Amino acid sequence: MSDPIDRANKIEEQQREQALKQQRSTQEKPCIVDGLRVCLDCDERILPLRVESVNAVRCLECQTFEEIRIKQGRG
């Protein structure tokens, strides 16, 4: 069983990462083509559920690559 402090630290880290993701996505202006939001990187349509849930400006694949790039210190 995990130590309560370790669990609390993990929850805090997850919340901080989510807040940072949300802040980054709101700072970047969404790209809209023909009334649909498209990815800033690959110009593919972003699923409406993703836009509604996290106000996405990148498709899931490009966002994953963006997060990896940032974590590796290239952001």
C-alpha atoms as a PDB file:
ATOM      1  CA  MET A   1       0.000   0.000   0.000  1.00  0.00           C
ATOM      2  CA  SER A   2       1.266   3.462  -0.889  1.00  0.00           C
ATOM      3  CA  ASP A   3       2.217   5.996   1.695  1.00  0.00           C
ATOM      4  CA  PRO A   4      -0.496   8.715   2.000  1.00  0.00           C
ATOM      5  CA  ILE A   5       2.114  11.410   1.397  1.00  0.00           C
ATOM      6  CA  ASP A   6       3.251   9.703  -1.813  1.00  0.00           C
ATOM      7  CA  ARG A   7      -0.362   9.483  -3.019  1.00  0.00           C
ATOM      8  CA  ALA A   8      -0.979  13.140  -2.159  1.00  0.00           C
ATOM      9  CA  ASN A   9       2.177  14.166  -4.032  1.00  0.00           C
ATOM     10  CA  LYS A  10       1.089  12.156  -7.069  1.00  0.00           C
ATOM     11  CA  ILE A  11      -2.367  13.765  -7.060  1.00  0.00           C
ATOM     12  CA  GLU A  12      -0.820  17.223  -6.714  1.00  0.00           C
ATOM     13  CA  GLU A  13       1.535  16.530  -9.628  1.00  0.00           C
ATOM     14  CA  GLN A  14      -1.356  15.354 -11.830  1.00  0.00           C
ATOM     15  CA  GLN A  15      -3.409  18.432 -10.983  1.00  0.00           C
ATOM     16  CA  ARG A  16      -0.477  20.731 -11.705  1.00  0.00           C
ATOM     17  CA  GLU A  17       0.156  19.066 -15.072  1.00  0.00           C
ATOM     18  CA  GLN A  18      -3.522  19.375 -15.989  1.00  0.00           C
ATOM     19  CA  ALA A  19      -3.570  23.054 -15.031  1.00  0.00           C
ATOM     20  CA  LEU A  20      -0.451  23.705 -17.113  1.00  0.00           C
ATOM     21  CA  LYS A  21      -1.953  21.894 -20.108  1.00  0.00           C
ATOM     22  CA  GLN A  22      -5.117  23.900 -19.859  1.00  0.00           C
ATOM     23  CA  GLN A  23      -3.205  27.165 -19.533  1.00  0.00           C
ATOM     24  CA  ARG A  24      -1.041  26.393 -22.567  1.00  0.00           C
ATOM     25  CA  SER A  25      -4.050  25.485 -24.683  1.00  0.00           C
ATOM     26  CA  THR A  26      -5.909  28.678 -23.784  1.00  0.00           C
ATOM     27  CA  GLN A  27      -2.869  30.815 -24.625  1.00  0.00           C
ATOM     28  CA  GLU A  28      -2.722  29.483 -28.175  1.00  0.00           C
ATOM     29  CA  LYS A  29      -5.381  30.740 -30.539  1.00  0.00           C
ATOM     30  CA  PRO A  30      -7.492  27.919 -31.989  1.00  0.00           C
ATOM     31  CA  CYS A  31      -7.402  27.412 -35.732  1.00  0.00           C
ATOM     32  CA  ILE A  32     -10.867  27.111 -37.272  1.00  0.00           C
ATOM     33  CA  VAL A  33     -11.439  25.985 -40.862  1.00  0.00           C
ATOM     34  CA  ASP A  34     -14.932  25.726 -42.318  1.00  0.00           C
ATOM     35  CA  GLY A  35     -16.375  26.045 -38.813  1.00  0.00           C
ATOM     36  CA  LEU A  36     -14.320  23.146 -37.395  1.00  0.00           C
ATOM     37  CA  ARG A  37     -11.338  23.389 -35.099  1.00  0.00           C
ATOM     38  CA  VAL A  38      -8.189  21.936 -36.616  1.00  0.00           C
ATOM     39  CA  CYS A  39      -4.823  21.037 -35.093  1.00  0.00           C
ATOM     40  CA  LEU A  40      -2.238  23.825 -34.983  1.00  0.00           C
ATOM     41  CA  ASP A  41       0.472  21.380 -36.068  1.00  0.00           C
ATOM     42  CA  CYS A  42      -1.014  18.964 -38.620  1.00  0.00           C
ATOM     43  CA  ASP A  43      -4.245  20.732 -39.728  1.00  0.00           C
ATOM     44  CA  GLU A  44      -6.330  17.618 -38.998  1.00  0.00           C
ATOM     45  CA  ARG A  45      -9.806  18.098 -37.541  1.00  0.00           C
ATOM     46  CA  ILE A  46      -9.962  17.898 -33.731  1.00  0.00           C
ATOM     47  CA  LEU A  47     -12.792  15.770 -32.389  1.00  0.00           C
ATOM     48  CA  PRO A  48     -15.569  17.924 -30.884  1.00  0.00           C
ATOM     49  CA  LEU A  49     -15.512  15.946 -27.617  1.00  0.00           C
ATOM     50  CA  ARG A  50     -11.810  16.760 -27.210  1.00  0.00           C
ATOM     51  CA  VAL A  51     -12.472  20.447 -27.888  1.00  0.00           C
ATOM     52  CA  GLU A  52     -15.307  20.483 -25.339  1.00  0.00           C
ATOM     53  CA  SER A  53     -13.434  18.598 -22.635  1.00  0.00           C
ATOM     54  CA  VAL A  54     -10.008  20.290 -22.728  1.00  0.00           C
ATOM     55  CA  ASN A  55     -10.441  23.181 -25.183  1.00  0.00           C
ATOM     56  CA  ALA A  56      -7.873  21.454 -27.388  1.00  0.00           C
ATOM     57  CA  VAL A  57      -5.881  23.290 -30.042  1.00  0.00           C
ATOM     58  CA  ARG A  58      -3.987  20.155 -31.121  1.00  0.00           C
ATOM     59  CA  CYS A  59      -5.105  16.660 -32.039  1.00  0.00           C
ATOM     60  CA  LEU A  60      -4.305  13.953 -29.505  1.00  0.00           C
ATOM     61  CA  GLU A  61      -1.236  12.713 -31.392  1.00  0.00           C
ATOM     62  CA  CYS A  62       0.304  16.168 -31.851  1.00  0.00           C
ATOM     63  CA  GLN A  63      -0.482  17.108 -28.239  1.00  0.00           C
ATOM     64  CA  THR A  64       1.305  13.965 -27.076  1.00  0.00           C
ATOM     65  CA  PHE A  65       4.385  14.907 -29.105  1.00  0.00           C
ATOM     66  CA  GLU A  66       4.184  18.496 -27.810  1.00  0.00           C
ATOM     67  CA  GLU A  67       4.125  17.291 -24.194  1.00  0.00           C
ATOM     68  CA  ILE A  68       7.087  14.983 -24.784  1.00  0.00           C
ATOM     69  CA  ARG A  69       8.991  17.868 -26.389  1.00  0.00           C
ATOM     70  CA  ILE A  70       8.246  20.126 -23.428  1.00  0.00           C
ATOM     71  CA  LYS A  71       9.204  17.490 -20.852  1.00  0.00           C
ATOM     72  CA  GLN A  72      12.509  16.948 -22.639  1.00  0.00           C
ATOM     73  CA  GLY A  73      13.262  20.646 -22.254  1.00  0.00           C
ATOM     74  CA  ARG A  74      12.844  21.619 -25.880  1.00  0.00           C
ATOM     75  CA  GLY A  75       9.834  23.813 -25.249  1.00  0.00           C
END
